[in-house]
Amino acid sequence: MDAKTRFILSAVMSSMMVFMVTLIVTYLNLGFRHDFLLQWAKAYFIAWPIAATTGFLVMPMARRATDRIISVFAG
C-alpha cells in the first residue's frame, strides 16, 4: 500500500472511530447538557489527529501481524 493510500485510509477510518468513541465517552462523562456538542467537538478535534497519525504509523506493523495470525490459523 503506498503512502497516499495509507494516509487516506488512516484519516477516514480514524475519523469514523474517533467520532463514535468521543461521542459515547463524552455522553457517558457529561450527560446531554447545554454544552454537550461543544465538549464533544473539543474532544473529537483533539483525538482525531492523534488517532490518524497513530493509524498511519502503525498500519504496516498491524498488516504484518495480521498476515502472521492468518498464516497460523490457515495452516
C-alpha atoms as a PDB file:
ATOM      1  CA  MET A   1       0.000   0.000   0.000  1.00  0.00           C
ATOM      2  CA  ASP A   2       1.506   3.326  -0.990  1.00  0.00           C
ATOM      3  CA  ALA A   3       1.792   6.254   1.441  1.00  0.00           C
ATOM      4  CA  LYS A   4      -1.073   8.242  -0.128  1.00  0.00           C
ATOM      5  CA  THR A   5      -3.490   5.321   0.174  1.00  0.00           C
ATOM      6  CA  ARG A   6      -2.306   4.587   3.718  1.00  0.00           C
ATOM      7  CA  PHE A   7      -2.787   8.250   4.669  1.00  0.00           C
ATOM      8  CA  ILE A   8      -6.325   8.405   3.258  1.00  0.00           C
ATOM      9  CA  LEU A   9      -7.306   5.087   4.837  1.00  0.00           C
ATOM     10  CA  SER A  10      -5.958   6.061   8.255  1.00  0.00           C
ATOM     11  CA  ALA A  11      -7.623   9.502   8.062  1.00  0.00           C
ATOM     12  CA  VAL A  12     -11.055   8.133   7.102  1.00  0.00           C
ATOM     13  CA  MET A  13     -11.015   5.147   9.425  1.00  0.00           C
ATOM     14  CA  SER A  14      -9.744   7.071  12.438  1.00  0.00           C
ATOM     15  CA  SER A  15     -12.249   9.863  11.807  1.00  0.00           C
ATOM     16  CA  MET A  16     -15.162   7.415  11.969  1.00  0.00           C
ATOM     17  CA  MET A  17     -13.822   5.611  15.030  1.00  0.00           C
ATOM     18  CA  VAL A  18     -12.955   8.797  16.927  1.00  0.00           C
ATOM     19  CA  PHE A  19     -16.371  10.255  16.059  1.00  0.00           C
ATOM     20  CA  MET A  20     -18.182   7.368  17.749  1.00  0.00           C
ATOM     21  CA  VAL A  21     -15.819   6.891  20.694  1.00  0.00           C
ATOM     22  CA  THR A  22     -15.649  10.573  21.644  1.00  0.00           C
ATOM     23  CA  LEU A  23     -19.410  10.929  21.221  1.00  0.00           C
ATOM     24  CA  ILE A  24     -20.157   7.998  23.530  1.00  0.00           C
ATOM     25  CA  VAL A  25     -17.485   8.798  26.115  1.00  0.00           C
ATOM     26  CA  THR A  26     -18.451  12.480  26.227  1.00  0.00           C
ATOM     27  CA  TYR A  27     -22.076  11.484  26.760  1.00  0.00           C
ATOM     28  CA  LEU A  28     -21.162   8.971  29.484  1.00  0.00           C
ATOM     29  CA  ASN A  29     -18.958  11.501  31.277  1.00  0.00           C
ATOM     30  CA  LEU A  30     -21.150  14.602  30.973  1.00  0.00           C
ATOM     31  CA  GLY A  31     -24.633  13.503  30.000  1.00  0.00           C
ATOM     32  CA  PHE A  32     -26.603  15.537  27.493  1.00  0.00           C
ATOM     33  CA  ARG A  33     -26.204  19.060  28.788  1.00  0.00           C
ATOM     34  CA  HIS A  34     -26.313  22.508  27.190  1.00  0.00           C
ATOM     35  CA  ASP A  35     -22.645  22.490  26.101  1.00  0.00           C
ATOM     36  CA  PHE A  36     -22.521  18.819  25.090  1.00  0.00           C
ATOM     37  CA  LEU A  37     -21.788  19.475  21.411  1.00  0.00           C
ATOM     38  CA  LEU A  38     -19.023  21.927  22.235  1.00  0.00           C
ATOM     39  CA  GLN A  39     -17.384  19.495  24.666  1.00  0.00           C
ATOM     40  CA  TRP A  40     -17.744  16.601  22.207  1.00  0.00           C
ATOM     41  CA  ALA A  41     -16.277  18.649  19.332  1.00  0.00           C
ATOM     42  CA  LYS A  42     -13.351  19.664  21.513  1.00  0.00           C
ATOM     43  CA  ALA A  43     -12.629  16.013  22.361  1.00  0.00           C
ATOM     44  CA  TYR A  44     -13.010  14.984  18.707  1.00  0.00           C
ATOM     45  CA  PHE A  45     -10.659  17.625  17.309  1.00  0.00           C
ATOM     46  CA  ILE A  46      -8.007  16.779  19.892  1.00  0.00           C
ATOM     47  CA  ALA A  47      -8.283  12.997  19.472  1.00  0.00           C
ATOM     48  CA  TRP A  48      -8.638  12.702  15.701  1.00  0.00           C
ATOM     49  CA  PRO A  49      -5.187  13.937  14.607  1.00  0.00           C
ATOM     50  CA  ILE A  50      -3.584  11.709  17.234  1.00  0.00           C
ATOM     51  CA  ALA A  51      -5.566   8.682  16.060  1.00  0.00           C
ATOM     52  CA  ALA A  52      -4.899   9.410  12.361  1.00  0.00           C
ATOM     53  CA  THR A  53      -1.165   9.767  12.929  1.00  0.00           C
ATOM     54  CA  THR A  54      -1.062   6.622  15.049  1.00  0.00           C
ATOM     55  CA  GLY A  55      -3.032   4.705  12.426  1.00  0.00           C
ATOM     56  CA  PHE A  56      -0.711   5.851   9.654  1.00  0.00           C
ATOM     57  CA  LEU A  57       2.401   4.842  11.594  1.00  0.00           C
ATOM     58  CA  VAL A  58       1.065   1.559  12.976  1.00  0.00           C
ATOM     59  CA  MET A  59      -0.691   0.261   9.855  1.00  0.00           C
ATOM     60  CA  PRO A  60       2.359  -1.545   8.373  1.00  0.00           C
ATOM     61  CA  MET A  61       3.012  -3.348  11.663  1.00  0.00           C
ATOM     62  CA  ALA A  62      -0.686  -4.225  12.003  1.00  0.00           C
ATOM     63  CA  ARG A  63      -0.741  -5.627   8.452  1.00  0.00           C
ATOM     64  CA  ARG A  64       2.304  -7.809   9.163  1.00  0.00           C
ATOM     65  CA  ALA A  65       0.800  -9.033  12.447  1.00  0.00           C
ATOM     66  CA  THR A  66      -2.483  -9.785  10.681  1.00  0.00           C
ATOM     67  CA  ASP A  67      -0.673 -11.731   7.957  1.00  0.00           C
ATOM     68  CA  ARG A  68       1.161 -13.786  10.601  1.00  0.00           C
ATOM     69  CA  ILE A  69      -2.037 -14.533  12.533  1.00  0.00           C
ATOM     70  CA  ILE A  70      -3.854 -15.551   9.361  1.00  0.00           C
ATOM     71  CA  SER A  71      -0.988 -17.814   8.288  1.00  0.00           C
ATOM     72  CA  VAL A  72      -1.038 -19.580  11.677  1.00  0.00           C
ATOM     73  CA  PHE A  73      -4.785 -20.259  11.501  1.00  0.00           C
ATOM     74  CA  ALA A  74      -4.856 -21.000   7.768  1.00  0.00           C
ATOM     75  CA  GLY A  75      -2.384 -23.800   8.278  1.00  0.00           C
END
